[in-house]
Amino acid sequence: MSDVIHVPGGRHVVGSLDASDADAVVVACPPHPQHGGSRSDPRLRAVGDALGPDVACLRIDYGPWDEGHGERVDAENALAWAADSYDAVGLFGYSFGAAVALWAAAEFRDDNPDSLRACSVLAPPAGLSADRETVDAVGNIGCPLQVVYGERDETVAWEPVVERARERGGTVESVTAGHQFAGERDAVADLVASFLRAHLVSKR
């Protein structure tokens, strides 16, 4: 059972919070809302299942479509709520949500500089919006970073983000799969959850 969370910030962001009694939480950003992306995305749900019960997962829906700009703000507002509510916070995003997560991680500022402890992204595209290349965010992320991509993914241009993540010493994982990660969702979720849990549970 998930709790419904209304994220402060004025953009009517709603989230489903799994394993709410945990001391740590991961904010999960869904794929493109204009292509059916939502907090019910199966990859987000799989990560939430893999994290529990010792790490909560806040799977959000974005507010009204805003060309990537408002969606980034939505993620930052969710991170602020998480930092106020939990001892340790992580961030995850898939596809468009990966770009949102990377920019949110790069620009998130909180009274506690160590509140965001890890960021993991799956199938990151090359751009968030017309004026924001995803790769530009990677070098400004201060927490440990994991990038997971499908070797057969021809939907997004993940290569620049993977290359930049390797350059900055991030953890890069490849899976023999396409963009949907059909047949590999549980394995991918375990990769992501293991990385995030290592930084959220053992160091809190």
Protein backbone atom coordinates (compact mmCIF):
# COMPACT_ATOMS: atom_id res chain seq x y z
CA MET A 1 0.00 0.00 0.00
CA SER A 2 1.31 3.45 -0.94
CA ASP A 3 0.60 6.78 0.74
CA VAL A 4 -0.48 9.68 -1.49
CA ILE A 5 1.74 12.75 -1.03
CA HIS A 6 0.98 16.26 -2.28
CA VAL A 7 4.37 17.87 -2.84
CA PRO A 8 4.53 21.56 -1.81
CA GLY A 9 5.44 24.07 -4.50
CA GLY A 10 2.31 25.20 -6.27
CA ARG A 11 2.46 22.94 -9.35
CA HIS A 12 0.05 20.29 -8.05
CA VAL A 13 2.64 17.51 -7.88
CA VAL A 14 1.31 14.23 -6.50
CA GLY A 15 3.38 11.23 -5.46
CA SER A 16 2.94 7.66 -4.30
CA LEU A 17 5.11 6.91 -1.29
CA ASP A 18 6.11 3.26 -0.86
CA ALA A 19 7.51 1.95 2.48
CA SER A 20 6.83 5.27 4.19
CA ASP A 21 8.11 4.08 7.60
CA ALA A 22 11.72 3.85 6.41
CA ASP A 23 14.40 6.35 7.48
CA ALA A 24 15.66 6.95 3.94
CA VAL A 25 13.80 7.79 0.73
CA VAL A 26 14.38 7.88 -3.02
CA VAL A 27 12.52 10.39 -5.20
CA ALA A 28 11.66 8.70 -8.51
CA CYS A 29 11.05 10.76 -11.68
CA PRO A 30 8.89 9.18 -14.42
CA PRO A 31 9.36 9.29 -18.20
CA HIS A 32 7.84 11.91 -20.51
CA PRO A 33 4.32 12.80 -19.35
CA GLN A 34 3.18 13.57 -22.91
CA HIS A 35 4.09 10.00 -23.89
CA GLY A 36 2.23 8.35 -21.03
CA GLY A 37 4.89 8.66 -18.35
CA SER A 38 3.56 8.62 -14.80
CA ARG A 39 4.38 7.52 -11.28
CA SER A 40 2.87 4.13 -12.18
CA ASP A 41 5.62 3.44 -14.73
CA PRO A 42 6.67 -0.22 -14.33
CA ARG A 43 10.36 0.64 -14.07
CA LEU A 44 9.69 3.09 -11.24
CA ARG A 45 7.48 0.57 -9.48
CA ALA A 46 10.15 -2.12 -9.84
CA VAL A 47 12.77 0.16 -8.27
CA GLY A 48 10.38 1.00 -5.43
CA ASP A 49 9.76 -2.69 -4.81
CA ALA A 50 13.50 -3.45 -4.86
CA LEU A 51 14.28 -0.63 -2.40
CA GLY A 52 11.72 -1.63 0.22
CA PRO A 53 11.22 -2.06 3.05
CA ASP A 54 14.33 -0.27 4.38
CA VAL A 55 14.23 2.60 1.84
CA ALA A 56 11.03 4.43 0.91
CA CYS A 57 10.32 5.48 -2.69
CA LEU A 58 8.37 8.61 -3.64
CA ARG A 59 7.18 8.11 -7.23
CA ILE A 60 5.96 11.48 -8.51
CA ASP A 61 3.71 12.77 -11.24
CA TYR A 62 4.81 16.12 -12.66
CA GLY A 63 2.63 19.21 -12.61
CA PRO A 64 1.32 20.81 -15.84
CA TRP A 65 3.64 20.29 -18.81
CA ASP A 66 6.33 22.99 -18.93
CA GLU A 67 8.88 21.91 -21.57
CA GLY A 68 11.17 20.31 -18.99
CA HIS A 69 11.64 23.44 -16.87
CA GLY A 70 8.70 22.99 -14.51
CA GLU A 71 9.35 19.26 -14.35
CA ARG A 72 12.84 19.92 -13.02
CA VAL A 73 11.35 22.26 -10.41
CA ASP A 74 8.88 19.51 -9.49
CA ALA A 75 11.76 17.14 -8.79
CA GLU A 76 13.60 19.76 -6.74
CA ASN A 77 10.46 20.45 -4.69
CA ALA A 78 10.05 16.71 -4.11
CA LEU A 79 13.69 16.55 -2.99
CA ALA A 80 13.10 19.43 -0.58
CA TRP A 81 10.09 17.64 0.90
CA ALA A 82 12.11 14.44 1.18
CA ALA A 83 15.03 16.21 2.86
CA ASP A 84 12.65 17.66 5.44
CA SER A 85 10.99 14.30 6.07
CA TYR A 86 13.81 11.73 5.97
CA ASP A 87 17.35 11.26 7.25
CA ALA A 88 18.81 10.37 3.85
CA VAL A 89 17.62 11.11 0.30
CA GLY A 90 18.38 9.57 -3.10
CA LEU A 91 17.16 10.38 -6.59
CA PHE A 92 16.19 8.17 -9.53
CA GLY A 93 14.86 8.86 -13.00
CA TYR A 94 14.03 6.91 -16.13
CA SER A 95 14.25 8.24 -19.72
CA PHE A 96 12.97 11.85 -19.70
CA GLY A 97 12.86 11.45 -15.93
CA ALA A 98 16.59 10.64 -16.01
CA ALA A 99 17.27 14.06 -17.54
CA VAL A 100 14.98 15.66 -14.95
CA ALA A 101 16.81 13.84 -12.16
CA LEU A 102 20.27 14.80 -13.40
CA TRP A 103 19.39 18.49 -13.61
CA ALA A 104 17.59 18.40 -10.27
CA ALA A 105 20.62 16.77 -8.66
CA ALA A 106 22.93 19.36 -10.22
CA GLU A 107 20.85 22.34 -9.06
CA PHE A 108 19.29 21.15 -5.79
CA ARG A 109 20.33 23.23 -2.82
CA ASP A 110 19.33 22.49 0.76
CA ASP A 111 20.29 23.69 4.22
CA ASN A 112 22.01 20.34 4.68
CA PRO A 113 24.50 19.93 1.81
CA ASP A 114 24.72 16.18 2.45
CA SER A 115 20.98 15.52 2.29
CA LEU A 116 21.13 14.25 -1.32
CA ARG A 117 23.40 11.23 -1.04
CA ALA A 118 23.09 9.46 -4.39
CA CYS A 119 21.58 9.77 -7.86
CA SER A 120 20.84 6.91 -10.26
CA VAL A 121 19.45 7.30 -13.78
CA LEU A 122 18.20 4.80 -16.33
CA ALA A 123 18.33 5.40 -20.11
CA PRO A 124 19.21 9.10 -19.92
CA PRO A 125 18.50 11.20 -23.05
CA ALA A 126 20.95 13.78 -24.37
CA GLY A 127 18.67 16.73 -23.57
CA LEU A 128 16.07 17.85 -21.05
CA SER A 129 14.76 20.81 -23.05
CA ALA A 130 15.73 22.98 -26.01
CA ASP A 131 18.23 24.93 -23.90
CA ARG A 132 19.46 22.25 -21.49
CA GLU A 133 21.76 19.43 -22.57
CA THR A 134 21.69 16.62 -20.05
CA VAL A 135 25.43 16.10 -20.22
CA ASP A 136 25.99 19.63 -18.87
CA ALA A 137 24.38 18.64 -15.59
CA VAL A 138 26.58 15.61 -14.97
CA GLY A 139 29.71 17.51 -14.03
CA ASN A 140 27.84 19.61 -11.47
CA ILE A 141 26.42 16.72 -9.45
CA GLY A 142 28.11 16.51 -6.07
CA CYS A 143 26.80 13.14 -4.91
CA PRO A 144 27.68 9.62 -6.14
CA LEU A 145 26.17 8.96 -9.57
CA GLN A 146 25.08 5.78 -11.34
CA VAL A 147 24.07 5.59 -15.01
CA VAL A 148 22.39 2.44 -16.36
CA TYR A 149 21.72 2.08 -20.08
CA GLY A 150 20.47 -0.50 -22.53
CA GLU A 151 22.97 -1.52 -25.17
CA ARG A 152 20.12 -1.91 -27.70
CA ASP A 153 18.41 1.35 -26.79
CA GLU A 154 17.78 3.32 -30.01
CA THR A 155 15.10 5.59 -28.53
CA VAL A 156 17.34 8.07 -26.72
CA ALA A 157 20.89 9.26 -27.31
CA TRP A 158 22.38 7.96 -24.07
CA GLU A 159 26.01 7.88 -25.26
CA PRO A 160 27.04 11.47 -24.29
CA VAL A 161 25.74 11.05 -20.75
CA VAL A 162 27.43 7.68 -20.33
CA GLU A 163 30.74 9.08 -21.58
CA ARG A 164 30.57 12.11 -19.29
CA ALA A 165 29.59 9.97 -16.31
CA ARG A 166 32.63 7.76 -16.89
CA GLU A 167 34.84 10.85 -17.11
CA ARG A 168 33.66 12.09 -13.71
CA GLY A 169 34.17 8.68 -12.10
CA GLY A 170 30.52 7.69 -11.94
CA THR A 171 29.28 4.11 -11.85
CA VAL A 172 28.18 3.01 -15.34
CA GLU A 173 26.22 -0.20 -15.88
CA SER A 174 25.10 -1.68 -19.22
CA VAL A 175 22.26 -4.12 -19.83
CA THR A 176 21.59 -6.10 -23.01
CA ALA A 177 18.20 -4.52 -23.58
CA GLY A 178 16.30 -1.83 -25.44
CA HIS A 179 14.73 1.32 -24.07
CA GLN A 180 11.83 -0.46 -22.36
CA PHE A 181 14.13 -2.99 -20.66
CA ALA A 182 11.62 -5.73 -21.41
CA GLY A 183 12.55 -8.91 -19.57
CA GLU A 184 15.25 -7.05 -17.62
CA ARG A 185 13.21 -4.79 -15.36
CA ASP A 186 13.81 -6.76 -12.17
CA ALA A 187 17.54 -7.06 -12.88
CA VAL A 188 17.77 -3.33 -13.61
CA ALA A 189 15.76 -2.50 -10.50
CA ASP A 190 18.16 -4.60 -8.41
CA LEU A 191 21.16 -2.74 -9.91
CA VAL A 192 19.62 0.63 -9.12
CA ALA A 193 18.37 -0.33 -5.66
CA SER A 194 21.71 -1.85 -4.65
CA PHE A 195 23.56 1.34 -5.62
CA LEU A 196 21.13 3.66 -3.87
CA ARG A 197 20.78 1.53 -0.75
CA ALA A 198 24.57 1.38 -0.37
CA HIS A 199 24.67 5.17 -0.04
CA LEU A 200 21.44 5.68 1.87
CA VAL A 201 21.36 2.86 4.41
CA SER A 202 24.97 2.21 5.36
CA LYS A 203 25.84 5.92 5.80
CA ARG A 204 22.79 7.28 7.54
